């Protein structure tokens, strides 16, 4: 009797877990990062600043070249993820929007990307505060220019599908790895 009860309980738990896994990404895709609520899309301001985002699966993040905590990890993981994509690489784009445009000079950006092996893999978008403020506001992120501390800013890595739908978010030190990001970008291509 106890064995039958345990077997039934185990099957019930497995059914719930399987149901959660299958429903997690929506439309049949399974994502490794946390999945946002349905219906959230890339802000229009991002397309205005970086038109190349259209019709690609995209990894979006927010970096500061003077950051010594999350930003180096993010840049390195994105660089490696892009190299892992193989044939899918042409359909995918990785973009970092500066959160400290006054200090993110072209020379600092180039040095930062080279140091963390992301130079040819990650497009680093800078500009003026007035040009980037609509992007930060659209993504609802806190830039380091507002905190006046290069290590204090929002630093998610968000994955969007080719229609601009937000599909997944990965965080450094939690679930951001090159393998997880490459997986989620491939899954975004399949949705």
Protein backbone atom coordinates (compact mmCIF):
# COMPACT_ATOMS: atom_id res chain seq x y z
CA UNK A 1 0.00 0.00 0.00
CA UNK A 2 2.79 2.42 0.96
CA UNK A 3 4.71 1.53 -2.19
CA UNK A 4 1.67 2.22 -4.38
CA UNK A 5 1.14 5.56 -2.64
CA UNK A 6 4.81 6.54 -3.09
CA UNK A 7 4.69 5.51 -6.75
CA UNK A 8 1.55 7.57 -7.35
CA UNK A 9 3.04 10.56 -5.52
CA UNK A 10 6.25 10.31 -7.55
CA UNK A 11 4.30 10.16 -10.81
CA UNK A 12 2.30 13.21 -9.72
CA UNK A 13 5.47 15.18 -8.96
CA UNK A 14 7.02 14.15 -12.27
CA UNK A 15 3.87 15.23 -14.14
CA UNK A 16 3.96 18.66 -12.46
CA UNK A 17 7.69 19.12 -13.17
CA UNK A 18 7.28 18.00 -16.78
CA UNK A 19 4.34 20.39 -17.20
CA UNK A 20 6.40 23.29 -15.83
CA UNK A 21 9.34 22.47 -18.09
CA UNK A 22 7.17 22.25 -21.19
CA UNK A 23 5.31 25.48 -20.40
CA UNK A 24 8.37 27.42 -19.32
CA UNK A 25 9.41 29.05 -22.60
CA UNK A 26 6.07 29.22 -24.33
CA UNK A 27 5.52 28.14 -27.91
CA UNK A 28 7.48 24.92 -27.31
CA UNK A 29 10.84 26.53 -26.55
CA UNK A 30 12.67 25.80 -23.32
CA UNK A 31 14.90 28.53 -21.96
CA UNK A 32 17.58 28.19 -19.29
CA UNK A 33 17.30 31.77 -18.06
CA UNK A 34 14.30 33.11 -16.20
CA UNK A 35 11.32 33.59 -18.47
CA UNK A 36 9.47 36.93 -18.34
CA UNK A 37 5.69 37.24 -18.52
CA UNK A 38 4.22 36.83 -22.00
CA UNK A 39 3.81 39.86 -24.23
CA UNK A 40 6.87 41.91 -23.25
CA UNK A 41 8.81 43.26 -26.22
CA UNK A 42 11.96 45.19 -26.95
CA UNK A 43 11.47 48.94 -26.44
CA UNK A 44 11.21 51.04 -29.61
CA UNK A 45 14.05 53.24 -28.34
CA UNK A 46 16.47 50.32 -28.74
CA UNK A 47 15.63 50.04 -32.44
CA UNK A 48 16.04 53.79 -32.87
CA UNK A 49 19.56 53.73 -31.40
CA UNK A 50 20.56 50.37 -32.94
CA UNK A 51 18.51 49.47 -36.06
CA UNK A 52 20.51 46.23 -36.58
CA UNK A 53 18.44 44.63 -33.79
CA UNK A 54 15.56 43.96 -36.17
CA UNK A 55 14.87 40.39 -37.32
CA UNK A 56 17.68 38.79 -35.31
CA UNK A 57 17.70 36.82 -32.09
CA UNK A 58 19.39 39.27 -29.74
CA UNK A 59 21.25 39.27 -26.45
CA UNK A 60 20.97 42.71 -24.84
CA UNK A 61 22.98 43.89 -21.85
CA UNK A 62 24.17 47.10 -20.21
CA UNK A 63 27.87 47.66 -19.55
CA UNK A 64 30.31 50.18 -18.11
CA UNK A 65 33.94 49.86 -19.23
CA UNK A 66 35.13 50.89 -15.76
CA UNK A 67 33.03 48.24 -14.00
CA UNK A 68 35.16 45.58 -12.29
CA UNK A 69 32.43 43.27 -11.03
CA UNK A 70 29.61 42.08 -13.34
CA UNK A 71 30.65 43.68 -16.65
CA UNK A 72 33.85 41.68 -17.25
CA UNK A 73 31.96 38.45 -16.57
CA UNK A 74 29.12 39.43 -18.89
CA UNK A 75 31.43 40.46 -21.74
CA UNK A 76 33.48 37.26 -21.53
CA UNK A 77 30.41 35.00 -21.37
CA UNK A 78 28.76 36.77 -24.31
CA UNK A 79 31.94 36.52 -26.37
CA UNK A 80 32.20 32.80 -25.70
CA UNK A 81 28.48 32.21 -26.30
CA UNK A 82 28.67 33.90 -29.69
CA UNK A 83 31.60 31.67 -30.66
CA UNK A 84 29.59 28.60 -29.60
CA UNK A 85 26.72 29.43 -31.97
CA UNK A 86 28.44 28.09 -35.06
CA UNK A 87 26.16 28.29 -38.12
CA UNK A 88 23.49 30.17 -36.15
CA UNK A 89 25.92 33.08 -35.57
CA UNK A 90 24.70 35.03 -38.62
CA UNK A 91 21.13 35.13 -37.29
CA UNK A 92 22.13 36.40 -33.85
CA UNK A 93 23.39 39.71 -32.48
CA UNK A 94 24.81 40.61 -29.07
CA UNK A 95 24.54 44.27 -28.05
CA UNK A 96 25.72 46.12 -24.97
CA UNK A 97 24.33 49.58 -24.33
CA UNK A 98 26.67 51.83 -22.37
CA UNK A 99 25.44 52.91 -18.94
CA UNK A 100 28.21 55.52 -18.62
CA UNK A 101 28.60 57.10 -22.07
CA UNK A 102 30.80 59.99 -20.92
CA UNK A 103 33.51 57.57 -19.80
CA UNK A 104 32.91 54.81 -22.35
CA UNK A 105 35.14 56.31 -25.02
CA UNK A 106 35.91 54.42 -28.23
CA UNK A 107 39.42 53.61 -26.92
CA UNK A 108 38.09 52.30 -23.60
CA UNK A 109 35.40 50.26 -25.34
CA UNK A 110 37.94 48.69 -27.71
CA UNK A 111 40.31 47.89 -24.83
CA UNK A 112 37.49 46.47 -22.69
CA UNK A 113 36.20 44.21 -25.47
CA UNK A 114 39.70 42.98 -26.33
CA UNK A 115 40.58 42.30 -22.69
CA UNK A 116 37.48 40.16 -22.19
CA UNK A 117 37.61 38.41 -25.59
CA UNK A 118 34.43 39.94 -26.97
CA UNK A 119 35.78 42.38 -29.56
CA UNK A 120 34.25 40.80 -32.66
CA UNK A 121 31.34 39.22 -30.81
CA UNK A 122 29.68 42.04 -28.87
CA UNK A 123 28.49 45.32 -30.36
CA UNK A 124 29.02 48.05 -27.72
CA UNK A 125 26.68 51.00 -28.30
CA UNK A 126 27.54 54.35 -26.79
CA UNK A 127 26.39 57.89 -27.39
CA UNK A 128 25.28 60.76 -25.20
CA UNK A 129 23.21 60.51 -22.05
CA UNK A 130 20.29 62.15 -23.87
CA UNK A 131 20.54 59.57 -26.70
CA UNK A 132 20.75 56.59 -24.33
CA UNK A 133 18.29 57.73 -21.63
CA UNK A 134 15.24 56.56 -23.69
CA UNK A 135 16.91 53.14 -24.07
CA UNK A 136 17.59 52.84 -20.33
CA UNK A 137 14.05 53.98 -19.53
CA UNK A 138 12.56 51.62 -22.12
CA UNK A 139 14.37 48.63 -20.63
CA UNK A 140 13.66 49.88 -17.08
CA UNK A 141 17.31 49.68 -16.05
CA UNK A 142 19.41 51.82 -13.72
CA UNK A 143 22.55 53.22 -15.43
CA UNK A 144 25.78 53.81 -13.54
CA UNK A 145 25.68 57.43 -14.68
CA UNK A 146 22.77 57.85 -12.23
CA UNK A 147 24.44 56.02 -9.32
CA UNK A 148 27.84 57.66 -9.95
CA UNK A 149 29.43 54.26 -9.33
CA UNK A 150 30.67 52.09 -12.21
CA UNK A 151 29.83 48.90 -10.31
CA UNK A 152 26.29 49.96 -9.38
CA UNK A 153 23.98 49.52 -12.37
CA UNK A 154 21.52 47.05 -13.84
CA UNK A 155 23.33 44.25 -15.61
CA UNK A 156 20.93 41.60 -16.92
CA UNK A 157 21.48 39.75 -20.18
CA UNK A 158 18.10 39.62 -21.90
CA UNK A 159 17.35 37.41 -24.87
CA UNK A 160 14.82 38.52 -27.52
CA UNK A 161 13.52 36.51 -30.45
CA UNK A 162 13.47 37.65 -34.09
CA UNK A 163 10.10 39.39 -33.53
CA UNK A 164 11.48 41.40 -30.60
CA UNK A 165 9.70 39.36 -27.93
CA UNK A 166 11.54 39.10 -24.62
CA UNK A 167 12.18 35.39 -24.02
CA UNK A 168 14.77 34.97 -21.26
CA UNK A 169 16.98 36.78 -18.75
CA UNK A 170 20.34 35.51 -17.52
CA UNK A 171 22.29 36.98 -14.58
CA UNK A 172 26.06 36.91 -13.94
CA UNK A 173 26.92 34.75 -10.94
CA UNK A 174 23.54 32.98 -11.15
CA UNK A 175 22.67 31.42 -14.50
CA UNK A 176 24.74 33.33 -17.06
CA UNK A 177 27.19 30.99 -18.77
CA UNK A 178 28.30 30.81 -22.36
CA UNK A 179 26.46 27.51 -22.79
CA UNK A 180 23.21 28.82 -21.27
CA UNK A 181 23.28 32.00 -23.35
CA UNK A 182 24.06 30.13 -26.58
CA UNK A 183 21.22 27.72 -25.77
CA UNK A 184 18.72 30.52 -25.13
CA UNK A 185 19.72 32.39 -28.30
CA UNK A 186 19.21 29.20 -30.34
CA UNK A 187 15.85 28.66 -28.62
CA UNK A 188 14.89 32.25 -29.49
CA UNK A 189 15.58 31.47 -33.14
CA UNK A 190 13.15 28.55 -32.94
CA UNK A 191 10.19 30.48 -31.49
